[in-house]
Amino acid sequence: MSKVEGIELLTRAHARLRDAVAGVPEGAWGAPTPCDEWTVRQVLNHARLDQQAYGAAITGTGWPDADPFHPVDGLEGDATAALDKVLSDVLAVYAGPFVDAEEVATPLGPLPFRVAAAAAAMDAGVHAWDIAVATGQASPLDDDLAEGISLAADRLADHLRNSFGVFAAAREVPDGAGRAEALLAFLGRDPHWTPAAT
C-alpha cells in the first residue's frame, strides 16, 4: 500500500464514520451498541479520541483530553462538528510531507505507514459500523473497505485483544460470510448484531 493508497483508505473510513454519525436519529445517542455497555455517544467519543491520538502520536501535540477506553458522554454541542474537526486534522497529518512513508509513530508504537494508515482506518470503520447498526442504518463496512483495513487487523488485532482488551475473542466466521462479516467476526463483533440482542 502506497502513501496515496493509505490516505485514500483513511479518507474512505473517515467518510463512513462521518456518515454514520450524521445519520444518528434524534434521541438515539443513548442507544446500546455492539460495544458492551457503551452507548452510541460513548462510541462516538471513543472514536474521536482514538483518531486524535493517531494524529498526536505523529505531531507530539494535541493528545486526547480523556481516556479513549473510558469515554464519557460529554461532547457538548454539535457532536458531528467535533468529530469532523478531529478527522480533518488527522487526515492532514497523515497527508503531510513530514510523515515518513516507511514508518509512522502511532499510539501503538511505530508502524510501517501502510499499517498505521490501515489501523487508523480500522478504528474509524469499525466504529462507524457500531454506530450505524445501533441506530438502524445500513452497514458502512463493505467488503472493499474491510479488505483495505484487514492489513491492520491481521497484524494488530491479537496484540490489541491480548494486551489491551480492545477486542473480544474472535468469533467463528459465519458460513458464506463476505470479507466485511469475516473481519467483524475476527475482531470479536457479531456481524449480525441488532439492538434487540442487548
N, C-alpha and C. Protein backbone atom coordinates (compact mmCIF):
# COMPACT_ATOMS: atom_id res chain seq x y z
N MET A 1 0.85 -1.19 0.00
CA MET A 1 0.00 0.00 0.00
C MET A 1 0.89 1.24 0.00
N SER A 2 0.72 2.08 -1.00
CA SER A 2 1.49 3.31 -1.09
C SER A 2 0.91 4.36 -0.13
N LYS A 3 1.63 5.47 0.00
CA LYS A 3 1.12 6.54 0.85
C LYS A 3 -0.21 7.05 0.31
N VAL A 4 -0.32 7.20 -1.00
CA VAL A 4 -1.57 7.67 -1.60
C VAL A 4 -2.71 6.69 -1.29
N GLU A 5 -2.45 5.40 -1.43
CA GLU A 5 -3.47 4.39 -1.15
C GLU A 5 -3.87 4.40 0.32
N GLY A 6 -2.88 4.60 1.20
CA GLY A 6 -3.17 4.67 2.63
C GLY A 6 -4.05 5.85 2.97
N ILE A 7 -3.77 6.99 2.35
CA ILE A 7 -4.58 8.18 2.60
C ILE A 7 -5.98 8.00 2.03
N GLU A 8 -6.08 7.37 0.86
CA GLU A 8 -7.41 7.11 0.29
C GLU A 8 -8.23 6.18 1.19
N LEU A 9 -7.58 5.16 1.74
CA LEU A 9 -8.26 4.24 2.66
C LEU A 9 -8.75 4.97 3.89
N LEU A 10 -7.88 5.79 4.48
CA LEU A 10 -8.26 6.54 5.67
C LEU A 10 -9.37 7.53 5.35
N THR A 11 -9.32 8.15 4.19
CA THR A 11 -10.37 9.08 3.78
C THR A 11 -11.71 8.37 3.67
N ARG A 12 -11.72 7.18 3.09
CA ARG A 12 -12.97 6.41 2.96
C ARG A 12 -13.53 6.03 4.32
N ALA A 13 -12.65 5.56 5.21
CA ALA A 13 -13.11 5.16 6.54
C ALA A 13 -13.66 6.36 7.31
N HIS A 14 -12.98 7.49 7.19
CA HIS A 14 -13.47 8.70 7.85
C HIS A 14 -14.83 9.11 7.30
N ALA A 15 -15.00 8.98 6.00
CA ALA A 15 -16.29 9.35 5.39
C ALA A 15 -17.41 8.46 5.92
N ARG A 16 -17.12 7.17 6.09
CA ARG A 16 -18.14 6.26 6.62
C ARG A 16 -18.49 6.62 8.06
N LEU A 17 -17.49 7.01 8.84
CA LEU A 17 -17.75 7.40 10.23
C LEU A 17 -18.57 8.69 10.28
N ARG A 18 -18.20 9.65 9.45
CA ARG A 18 -18.97 10.90 9.41
C ARG A 18 -20.43 10.62 9.04
N ASP A 19 -20.62 9.79 8.01
CA ASP A 19 -21.98 9.50 7.55
C ASP A 19 -22.80 8.79 8.63
N ALA A 20 -22.15 7.84 9.32
CA ALA A 20 -22.86 7.12 10.38
C ALA A 20 -23.29 8.06 11.50
N VAL A 21 -22.40 8.96 11.88
CA VAL A 21 -22.72 9.91 12.95
C VAL A 21 -23.82 10.87 12.49
N ALA A 22 -23.72 11.33 11.25
CA ALA A 22 -24.74 12.24 10.73
C ALA A 22 -26.11 11.57 10.65
N GLY A 23 -26.13 10.24 10.53
CA GLY A 23 -27.38 9.51 10.40
C GLY A 23 -28.01 9.08 11.71
N VAL A 24 -27.40 9.44 12.84
CA VAL A 24 -27.98 9.07 14.14
C VAL A 24 -29.28 9.85 14.35
N PRO A 25 -30.39 9.16 14.54
CA PRO A 25 -31.66 9.86 14.74
C PRO A 25 -31.68 10.65 16.06
N GLU A 26 -32.50 11.64 16.08
CA GLU A 26 -32.68 12.43 17.31
C GLU A 26 -33.11 11.49 18.44
N GLY A 27 -32.46 11.60 19.57
CA GLY A 27 -32.82 10.80 20.73
C GLY A 27 -32.18 9.43 20.78
N ALA A 28 -31.31 9.11 19.80
CA ALA A 28 -30.70 7.77 19.77
C ALA A 28 -29.28 7.74 20.32
N TRP A 29 -28.80 8.85 20.84
CA TRP A 29 -27.41 8.90 21.31
C TRP A 29 -27.16 7.99 22.50
N GLY A 30 -28.19 7.67 23.25
CA GLY A 30 -28.05 6.79 24.41
C GLY A 30 -28.32 5.34 24.10
N ALA A 31 -28.52 5.00 22.83
CA ALA A 31 -28.85 3.62 22.45
C ALA A 31 -27.66 2.69 22.67
N PRO A 32 -27.93 1.42 22.98
CA PRO A 32 -26.84 0.44 23.14
C PRO A 32 -26.18 0.14 21.80
N THR A 33 -24.95 -0.31 21.85
CA THR A 33 -24.17 -0.61 20.64
C THR A 33 -23.55 -2.00 20.77
N PRO A 34 -22.91 -2.50 19.71
CA PRO A 34 -22.21 -3.78 19.82
C PRO A 34 -21.05 -3.75 20.80
N CYS A 35 -20.59 -2.55 21.19
CA CYS A 35 -19.55 -2.44 22.22
C CYS A 35 -20.24 -2.56 23.58
N ASP A 36 -20.00 -3.66 24.27
CA ASP A 36 -20.71 -3.93 25.52
C ASP A 36 -20.71 -2.73 26.47
N GLU A 37 -21.90 -2.36 26.88
CA GLU A 37 -22.12 -1.32 27.88
C GLU A 37 -21.75 0.08 27.41
N TRP A 38 -21.54 0.26 26.12
CA TRP A 38 -21.25 1.59 25.58
C TRP A 38 -22.43 2.07 24.75
N THR A 39 -22.78 3.32 24.93
CA THR A 39 -23.84 3.93 24.14
C THR A 39 -23.28 4.47 22.82
N VAL A 40 -24.18 4.89 21.96
CA VAL A 40 -23.76 5.49 20.68
C VAL A 40 -22.85 6.69 20.93
N ARG A 41 -23.25 7.54 21.84
CA ARG A 41 -22.43 8.73 22.12
C ARG A 41 -21.06 8.34 22.66
N GLN A 42 -20.99 7.34 23.49
CA GLN A 42 -19.69 6.91 24.02
C GLN A 42 -18.81 6.32 22.93
N VAL A 43 -19.39 5.56 22.00
CA VAL A 43 -18.61 5.03 20.89
C VAL A 43 -18.10 6.17 20.02
N LEU A 44 -18.95 7.16 19.77
CA LEU A 44 -18.52 8.32 19.01
C LEU A 44 -17.35 9.01 19.71
N ASN A 45 -17.47 9.22 21.00
CA ASN A 45 -16.40 9.90 21.73
C ASN A 45 -15.13 9.06 21.72
N HIS A 46 -15.27 7.75 21.87
CA HIS A 46 -14.11 6.86 21.81
C HIS A 46 -13.43 6.97 20.45
N ALA A 47 -14.21 6.94 19.38
CA ALA A 47 -13.64 7.04 18.03
C ALA A 47 -12.93 8.37 17.84
N ARG A 48 -13.54 9.44 18.33
CA ARG A 48 -12.93 10.77 18.21
C ARG A 48 -11.59 10.82 18.94
N LEU A 49 -11.56 10.30 20.16
CA LEU A 49 -10.33 10.32 20.95
C LEU A 49 -9.25 9.43 20.34
N ASP A 50 -9.65 8.28 19.81
CA ASP A 50 -8.69 7.40 19.15
C ASP A 50 -8.05 8.09 17.95
N GLN A 51 -8.89 8.71 17.11
CA GLN A 51 -8.35 9.38 15.93
C GLN A 51 -7.44 10.54 16.33
N GLN A 52 -7.82 11.24 17.37
CA GLN A 52 -6.99 12.34 17.87
C GLN A 52 -5.62 11.81 18.28
N ALA A 53 -5.59 10.63 18.90
CA ALA A 53 -4.33 10.04 19.33
C ALA A 53 -3.46 9.64 18.14
N TYR A 54 -4.07 9.18 17.05
CA TYR A 54 -3.29 8.84 15.86
C TYR A 54 -2.58 10.06 15.30
N GLY A 55 -3.24 11.21 15.33
CA GLY A 55 -2.59 12.43 14.87
C GLY A 55 -1.54 12.92 15.84
N ALA A 56 -1.86 12.88 17.13
CA ALA A 56 -0.95 13.40 18.15
C ALA A 56 0.34 12.58 18.24
N ALA A 57 0.25 11.28 17.96
CA ALA A 57 1.45 10.45 18.03
C ALA A 57 2.50 10.92 17.02
N ILE A 58 2.04 11.48 15.91
CA ILE A 58 2.96 11.97 14.89
C ILE A 58 3.46 13.37 15.21
N THR A 59 2.54 14.25 15.61
CA THR A 59 2.91 15.65 15.84
C THR A 59 3.48 15.90 17.22
N GLY A 60 3.15 15.02 18.18
CA GLY A 60 3.60 15.23 19.56
C GLY A 60 2.73 16.20 20.33
N THR A 61 1.70 16.72 19.72
CA THR A 61 0.81 17.67 20.40
C THR A 61 -0.64 17.29 20.12
N GLY A 62 -1.54 17.86 20.92
CA GLY A 62 -2.97 17.63 20.70
C GLY A 62 -3.45 16.29 21.17
N TRP A 63 -2.82 15.75 22.21
CA TRP A 63 -3.25 14.45 22.72
C TRP A 63 -4.67 14.53 23.26
N PRO A 64 -5.41 13.42 23.25
CA PRO A 64 -6.78 13.43 23.76
C PRO A 64 -6.85 13.94 25.19
N ASP A 65 -7.94 14.61 25.51
CA ASP A 65 -8.13 15.15 26.85
C ASP A 65 -8.82 14.18 27.78
N ALA A 66 -9.07 12.96 27.31
CA ALA A 66 -9.71 11.92 28.12
C ALA A 66 -9.21 10.56 27.66
N ASP A 67 -9.44 9.55 28.46
CA ASP A 67 -9.03 8.19 28.13
C ASP A 67 -10.01 7.60 27.14
N PRO A 68 -9.55 7.23 25.93
CA PRO A 68 -10.47 6.68 24.94
C PRO A 68 -11.19 5.41 25.41
N PHE A 69 -10.57 4.69 26.35
CA PHE A 69 -11.16 3.43 26.80
C PHE A 69 -12.16 3.63 27.94
N HIS A 70 -12.31 4.87 28.38
CA HIS A 70 -13.34 5.21 29.36
C HIS A 70 -14.06 6.46 28.88
N PRO A 71 -14.70 6.35 27.72
CA PRO A 71 -15.32 7.54 27.13
C PRO A 71 -16.48 8.05 27.96
N VAL A 72 -16.53 9.33 28.08
CA VAL A 72 -17.62 9.95 28.82
C VAL A 72 -18.72 10.34 27.84
N ASP A 73 -19.84 10.70 28.36
CA ASP A 73 -20.95 11.11 27.49
C ASP A 73 -20.83 12.57 27.08
N GLY A 74 -19.75 13.23 27.42
CA GLY A 74 -19.54 14.65 27.14
C GLY A 74 -19.86 15.09 25.74
N LEU A 75 -18.92 15.68 25.07
CA LEU A 75 -19.12 16.20 23.72
C LEU A 75 -20.32 17.14 23.66
N GLU A 76 -20.24 18.18 24.42
CA GLU A 76 -21.33 19.14 24.42
C GLU A 76 -21.36 19.87 23.09
N GLY A 77 -22.53 20.27 22.68
CA GLY A 77 -22.67 20.97 21.41
C GLY A 77 -22.84 19.98 20.27
N ASP A 78 -22.37 20.36 19.10
CA ASP A 78 -22.56 19.59 17.88
C ASP A 78 -21.53 18.46 17.81
N ALA A 79 -21.99 17.23 18.06
CA ALA A 79 -21.08 16.09 18.06
C ALA A 79 -20.47 15.86 16.69
N THR A 80 -21.24 16.11 15.64
CA THR A 80 -20.74 15.93 14.28
C THR A 80 -19.61 16.89 13.98
N ALA A 81 -19.76 18.13 14.41
CA ALA A 81 -18.71 19.13 14.16
C ALA A 81 -17.45 18.79 14.93
N ALA A 82 -17.59 18.32 16.17
CA ALA A 82 -16.42 17.96 16.98
C ALA A 82 -15.66 16.83 16.32
N LEU A 83 -16.38 15.84 15.82
CA LEU A 83 -15.73 14.72 15.13
C LEU A 83 -15.08 15.18 13.84
N ASP A 84 -15.79 16.00 13.07
CA ASP A 84 -15.29 16.43 11.77
C ASP A 84 -13.95 17.14 11.89
N LYS A 85 -13.80 17.98 12.89
CA LYS A 85 -12.53 18.71 13.06
C LYS A 85 -11.39 17.74 13.33
N VAL A 86 -11.62 16.77 14.21
CA VAL A 86 -10.58 15.79 14.53
C VAL A 86 -10.19 14.98 13.29
N LEU A 87 -11.19 14.51 12.54
CA LEU A 87 -10.89 13.70 11.36
C LEU A 87 -10.14 14.50 10.32
N SER A 88 -10.53 15.75 10.13
CA SER A 88 -9.83 16.60 9.18
C SER A 88 -8.39 16.83 9.60
N ASP A 89 -8.17 17.06 10.88
CA ASP A 89 -6.82 17.28 11.40
C ASP A 89 -5.95 16.04 11.22
N VAL A 90 -6.51 14.87 11.53
CA VAL A 90 -5.73 13.63 11.42
C VAL A 90 -5.37 13.35 9.96
N LEU A 91 -6.30 13.53 9.08
CA LEU A 91 -6.02 13.29 7.66
C LEU A 91 -4.94 14.24 7.15
N ALA A 92 -4.98 15.48 7.60
CA ALA A 92 -3.95 16.44 7.19
C ALA A 92 -2.58 16.01 7.69
N VAL A 93 -2.53 15.46 8.90
CA VAL A 93 -1.25 14.99 9.44
C VAL A 93 -0.72 13.82 8.62
N TYR A 94 -1.60 12.86 8.31
CA TYR A 94 -1.16 11.70 7.55
C TYR A 94 -0.76 12.06 6.11
N ALA A 95 -1.39 13.09 5.58
CA ALA A 95 -1.05 13.52 4.22
C ALA A 95 0.12 14.49 4.21
N GLY A 96 0.57 14.91 5.38
CA GLY A 96 1.64 15.90 5.47
C GLY A 96 2.96 15.39 4.93
N PRO A 97 3.76 16.28 4.42
CA PRO A 97 5.03 15.89 3.82
C PRO A 97 6.05 15.37 4.84
N PHE A 98 5.82 15.67 6.14
CA PHE A 98 6.79 15.23 7.14
C PHE A 98 6.54 13.81 7.62
N VAL A 99 5.48 13.18 7.14
CA VAL A 99 5.22 11.80 7.53
C VAL A 99 6.10 10.88 6.69
N ASP A 100 6.93 10.11 7.36
CA ASP A 100 7.81 9.16 6.68
C ASP A 100 6.97 8.00 6.16
N ALA A 101 7.04 7.75 4.87
CA ALA A 101 6.21 6.72 4.27
C ALA A 101 6.62 5.32 4.71
N GLU A 102 7.79 5.17 5.32
CA GLU A 102 8.23 3.84 5.74
C GLU A 102 7.83 3.51 7.17
N GLU A 103 7.84 4.50 8.06
CA GLU A 103 7.48 4.23 9.45
C GLU A 103 6.83 5.45 10.06
N VAL A 104 5.79 5.20 10.81
CA VAL A 104 4.99 6.29 11.38
C VAL A 104 4.77 6.02 12.87
N ALA A 105 4.87 7.08 13.67
CA ALA A 105 4.55 6.96 15.09
C ALA A 105 3.04 6.82 15.24
N THR A 106 2.62 5.88 16.08
CA THR A 106 1.19 5.69 16.36
C THR A 106 1.02 5.47 17.86
N PRO A 107 -0.22 5.49 18.35
CA PRO A 107 -0.45 5.17 19.78
C PRO A 107 -0.03 3.75 20.13
N LEU A 108 0.18 2.91 19.13
CA LEU A 108 0.58 1.52 19.34
C LEU A 108 2.08 1.32 19.14
N GLY A 109 2.80 2.42 18.99
CA GLY A 109 4.22 2.35 18.69
C GLY A 109 4.46 2.57 17.21
N PRO A 110 5.72 2.62 16.79
CA PRO A 110 5.99 2.86 15.38
C PRO A 110 5.54 1.70 14.50
N LEU A 111 4.93 2.05 13.37
CA LEU A 111 4.44 1.06 12.43
C LEU A 111 4.78 1.52 11.01
N PRO A 112 4.92 0.57 10.09
CA PRO A 112 5.05 0.98 8.69
C PRO A 112 3.85 1.84 8.30
N PHE A 113 4.06 2.82 7.43
CA PHE A 113 2.98 3.74 7.09
C PHE A 113 1.71 3.01 6.68
N ARG A 114 1.83 1.99 5.84
CA ARG A 114 0.64 1.31 5.34
C ARG A 114 -0.15 0.66 6.47
N VAL A 115 0.56 0.13 7.49
CA VAL A 115 -0.13 -0.48 8.63
C VAL A 115 -0.75 0.59 9.52
N ALA A 116 -0.02 1.70 9.71
CA ALA A 116 -0.53 2.79 10.54
C ALA A 116 -1.81 3.37 9.94
N ALA A 117 -1.80 3.62 8.64
CA ALA A 117 -2.98 4.17 7.98
C ALA A 117 -4.15 3.18 8.06
N ALA A 118 -3.85 1.91 7.85
CA ALA A 118 -4.90 0.89 7.92
C ALA A 118 -5.44 0.76 9.35
N ALA A 119 -4.57 0.94 10.35
CA ALA A 119 -5.01 0.85 11.75
C ALA A 119 -5.96 2.00 12.09
N ALA A 120 -5.61 3.21 11.67
CA ALA A 120 -6.50 4.35 11.91
C ALA A 120 -7.81 4.16 11.15
N ALA A 121 -7.72 3.62 9.94
CA ALA A 121 -8.93 3.36 9.15
C ALA A 121 -9.78 2.26 9.79
N MET A 122 -9.12 1.24 10.34
CA MET A 122 -9.84 0.16 11.01
C MET A 122 -10.64 0.72 12.18
N ASP A 123 -10.01 1.56 12.96
CA ASP A 123 -10.68 2.15 14.12
C ASP A 123 -11.91 2.94 13.68
N ALA A 124 -11.75 3.77 12.66
CA ALA A 124 -12.87 4.59 12.19
C ALA A 124 -13.95 3.73 11.55
N GLY A 125 -13.55 2.77 10.72
CA GLY A 125 -14.52 1.96 10.00
C GLY A 125 -15.35 1.06 10.90
N VAL A 126 -14.70 0.45 11.87
CA VAL A 126 -15.43 -0.46 12.77
C VAL A 126 -16.36 0.33 13.68
N HIS A 127 -15.92 1.50 14.15
CA HIS A 127 -16.81 2.29 14.99
C HIS A 127 -17.94 2.91 14.17
N ALA A 128 -17.71 3.17 12.89
CA ALA A 128 -18.81 3.59 12.02
C ALA A 128 -19.86 2.49 11.96
N TRP A 129 -19.38 1.25 11.87
CA TRP A 129 -20.31 0.11 11.85
C TRP A 129 -21.06 0.01 13.18
N ASP A 130 -20.36 0.15 14.29
CA ASP A 130 -21.01 0.09 15.61
C ASP A 130 -22.17 1.09 15.69
N ILE A 131 -21.88 2.32 15.28
CA ILE A 131 -22.88 3.39 15.38
C ILE A 131 -24.03 3.16 14.41
N ALA A 132 -23.69 2.74 13.21
CA ALA A 132 -24.73 2.55 12.19
C ALA A 132 -25.70 1.44 12.58
N VAL A 133 -25.18 0.28 12.95
CA VAL A 133 -26.10 -0.83 13.25
C VAL A 133 -26.88 -0.57 14.53
N ALA A 134 -26.31 0.22 15.44
CA ALA A 134 -27.02 0.55 16.68
C ALA A 134 -28.19 1.49 16.44
N THR A 135 -28.16 2.19 15.33
CA THR A 135 -29.19 3.20 15.07
C THR A 135 -29.99 2.92 13.80
N GLY A 136 -29.98 1.66 13.37
CA GLY A 136 -30.84 1.25 12.27
C GLY A 136 -30.38 1.67 10.90
N GLN A 137 -29.13 2.02 10.75
CA GLN A 137 -28.61 2.40 9.44
C GLN A 137 -28.00 1.19 8.74
N ALA A 138 -27.84 1.30 7.43
CA ALA A 138 -27.17 0.25 6.67
C ALA A 138 -25.70 0.18 7.08
N SER A 139 -25.12 -1.01 6.97
CA SER A 139 -23.72 -1.18 7.34
C SER A 139 -22.82 -0.34 6.45
N PRO A 140 -21.94 0.46 7.05
CA PRO A 140 -21.00 1.25 6.26
C PRO A 140 -19.73 0.47 5.92
N LEU A 141 -19.62 -0.74 6.46
CA LEU A 141 -18.40 -1.53 6.29
C LEU A 141 -18.63 -2.55 5.18
N ASP A 142 -18.25 -2.17 3.95
CA ASP A 142 -18.41 -3.09 2.83
C ASP A 142 -17.13 -3.92 2.66
N ASP A 143 -17.19 -4.87 1.74
CA ASP A 143 -16.06 -5.79 1.56
C ASP A 143 -14.80 -5.05 1.11
N ASP A 144 -14.95 -4.00 0.32
CA ASP A 144 -13.79 -3.26 -0.17
C ASP A 144 -13.06 -2.56 0.96
N LEU A 145 -13.80 -1.87 1.82
CA LEU A 145 -13.18 -1.20 2.95
C LEU A 145 -12.59 -2.23 3.91
N ALA A 146 -13.31 -3.32 4.13
CA ALA A 146 -12.81 -4.37 5.02
C ALA A 146 -11.51 -4.96 4.51
N GLU A 147 -11.40 -5.13 3.21
CA GLU A 147 -10.17 -5.66 2.63
C GLU A 147 -9.00 -4.72 2.90
N GLY A 148 -9.24 -3.43 2.76
CA GLY A 148 -8.17 -2.46 3.00
C GLY A 148 -7.69 -2.44 4.43
N ILE A 149 -8.62 -2.53 5.38
CA ILE A 149 -8.20 -2.44 6.78
C ILE A 149 -7.78 -3.79 7.36
N SER A 150 -7.95 -4.86 6.58
CA SER A 150 -7.54 -6.18 7.08
C SER A 150 -6.04 -6.25 7.29
N LEU A 151 -5.29 -5.41 6.60
CA LEU A 151 -3.84 -5.37 6.80
C LEU A 151 -3.52 -5.07 8.26
N ALA A 152 -4.23 -4.13 8.84
CA ALA A 152 -4.02 -3.80 10.25
C ALA A 152 -4.61 -4.86 11.16
N ALA A 153 -5.79 -5.36 10.81
CA ALA A 153 -6.44 -6.36 11.65
C ALA A 153 -5.57 -7.61 11.77
N ASP A 154 -5.04 -8.06 10.66
CA ASP A 154 -4.23 -9.28 10.67
C ASP A 154 -2.97 -9.11 11.52
N ARG A 155 -2.41 -7.91 11.50
CA ARG A 155 -1.16 -7.68 12.23
C ARG A 155 -1.37 -7.28 13.69
N LEU A 156 -2.46 -6.56 13.97
CA LEU A 156 -2.58 -5.92 15.28
C LEU A 156 -3.69 -6.45 16.18
N ALA A 157 -4.70 -7.13 15.61
CA ALA A 157 -5.88 -7.47 16.41
C ALA A 157 -5.55 -8.33 17.61
N ASP A 158 -4.75 -9.36 17.43
CA ASP A 158 -4.45 -10.23 18.57
C ASP A 158 -3.67 -9.49 19.65
N HIS A 159 -2.75 -8.62 19.24
CA HIS A 159 -2.00 -7.81 20.21
C HIS A 159 -2.94 -6.89 20.98
N LEU A 160 -3.84 -6.23 20.27
CA LEU A 160 -4.79 -5.34 20.93
C LEU A 160 -5.74 -6.11 21.83
N ARG A 161 -6.13 -7.28 21.40
CA ARG A 161 -7.04 -8.12 22.17
C ARG A 161 -6.37 -8.60 23.46
N ASN A 162 -5.14 -9.08 23.33
CA ASN A 162 -4.45 -9.69 24.46
C ASN A 162 -3.83 -8.68 25.42
N SER A 163 -3.36 -7.56 24.89
CA SER A 163 -2.66 -6.58 25.73
C SER A 163 -3.57 -5.51 26.30
N PHE A 164 -4.61 -5.15 25.54
CA PHE A 164 -5.44 -4.02 25.95
C PHE A 164 -6.91 -4.36 26.10
N GLY A 165 -7.30 -5.56 25.71
CA GLY A 165 -8.71 -5.93 25.79
C GLY A 165 -9.59 -5.12 24.86
N VAL A 166 -9.00 -4.62 23.76
CA VAL A 166 -9.75 -3.78 22.84
C VAL A 166 -10.84 -4.57 22.12
N PHE A 167 -10.52 -5.79 21.73
CA PHE A 167 -11.47 -6.62 21.02
C PHE A 167 -11.83 -7.83 21.85
N ALA A 168 -13.07 -8.28 21.70
CA ALA A 168 -13.48 -9.53 22.33
C ALA A 168 -12.81 -10.69 21.57
N ALA A 169 -12.95 -11.87 22.12
CA ALA A 169 -12.39 -13.05 21.44
C ALA A 169 -12.97 -13.17 20.04
N ALA A 170 -12.14 -13.63 19.13
CA ALA A 170 -12.60 -13.81 17.76
C ALA A 170 -13.76 -14.79 17.73
N ARG A 171 -14.72 -14.53 16.86
CA ARG A 171 -15.88 -15.39 16.70
C ARG A 171 -15.70 -16.29 15.48
N GLU A 172 -16.48 -17.35 15.46
CA GLU A 172 -16.46 -18.21 14.28
C GLU A 172 -17.07 -17.44 13.11
N VAL A 173 -16.41 -17.52 11.97
CA VAL A 173 -16.91 -16.81 10.78
C VAL A 173 -18.15 -17.53 10.25
N PRO A 174 -19.24 -16.80 10.09
CA PRO A 174 -20.48 -17.45 9.60
C PRO A 174 -20.27 -18.05 8.20
N ASP A 175 -20.96 -19.12 7.93
CA ASP A 175 -20.90 -19.73 6.59
C ASP A 175 -21.32 -18.71 5.54
N GLY A 176 -20.58 -18.68 4.45
CA GLY A 176 -20.92 -17.79 3.36
C GLY A 176 -20.65 -16.33 3.64
N ALA A 177 -19.89 -16.04 4.71
CA ALA A 177 -19.63 -14.65 5.07
C ALA A 177 -18.77 -13.97 4.03
N GLY A 178 -19.04 -12.69 3.78
CA GLY A 178 -18.20 -11.87 2.94
C GLY A 178 -17.02 -11.35 3.73
N ARG A 179 -16.19 -10.55 3.09
CA ARG A 179 -14.97 -10.04 3.74
C ARG A 179 -15.30 -9.19 4.96
N ALA A 180 -16.34 -8.37 4.86
CA ALA A 180 -16.69 -7.49 5.97
C ALA A 180 -17.18 -8.29 7.17
N GLU A 181 -18.05 -9.28 6.92
CA GLU A 181 -18.55 -10.11 8.02
C GLU A 181 -17.41 -10.91 8.66
N ALA A 182 -16.51 -11.42 7.84
CA ALA A 182 -15.38 -12.18 8.37
C ALA A 182 -14.48 -11.30 9.22
N LEU A 183 -14.27 -10.06 8.78
CA LEU A 183 -13.43 -9.13 9.55
C LEU A 183 -14.08 -8.82 10.89
N LEU A 184 -15.39 -8.53 10.88
CA LEU A 184 -16.09 -8.23 12.14
C LEU A 184 -16.00 -9.40 13.11
N ALA A 185 -16.18 -10.61 12.60
CA ALA A 185 -16.10 -11.80 13.45
C ALA A 185 -14.69 -11.95 14.02
N PHE A 186 -13.68 -11.72 13.19
CA PHE A 186 -12.29 -11.81 13.65
C PHE A 186 -12.02 -10.79 14.76
N LEU A 187 -12.66 -9.63 14.65
CA LEU A 187 -12.47 -8.58 15.66
C LEU A 187 -13.40 -8.73 16.85
N GLY A 188 -14.11 -9.86 16.92
CA GLY A 188 -14.93 -10.14 18.09
C GLY A 188 -16.33 -9.56 18.04
N ARG A 189 -16.71 -8.97 16.90
CA ARG A 189 -18.05 -8.44 16.75
C ARG A 189 -18.97 -9.52 16.18
N ASP A 190 -20.24 -9.44 16.52
CA ASP A 190 -21.26 -10.29 15.91
C ASP A 190 -21.72 -9.58 14.64
N PRO A 191 -21.38 -10.12 13.45
CA PRO A 191 -21.74 -9.42 12.21
C PRO A 191 -23.23 -9.19 12.04
N HIS A 192 -24.05 -9.96 12.79
CA HIS A 192 -25.50 -9.84 12.66
C HIS A 192 -26.13 -9.21 13.91
N TRP A 193 -25.32 -8.45 14.64
CA TRP A 193 -25.80 -7.80 15.87
C TRP A 193 -26.96 -6.86 15.55
N THR A 194 -27.93 -6.86 16.44
CA THR A 194 -29.03 -5.89 16.37
C THR A 194 -29.28 -5.35 17.77
N PRO A 195 -29.90 -4.19 17.89
CA PRO A 195 -30.20 -3.67 19.24
C PRO A 195 -31.00 -4.63 20.09
N ALA A 196 -31.79 -5.50 19.45
CA ALA A 196 -32.60 -6.45 20.21
C ALA A 196 -31.73 -7.49 20.89
N ALA A 197 -30.44 -7.59 20.49
CA ALA A 197 -29.56 -8.60 21.07
C ALA A 197 -29.06 -8.19 22.45
N THR A 198 -29.26 -6.92 22.83
CA THR A 198 -28.73 -6.45 24.12
C THR A 198 -29.71 -6.76 25.24
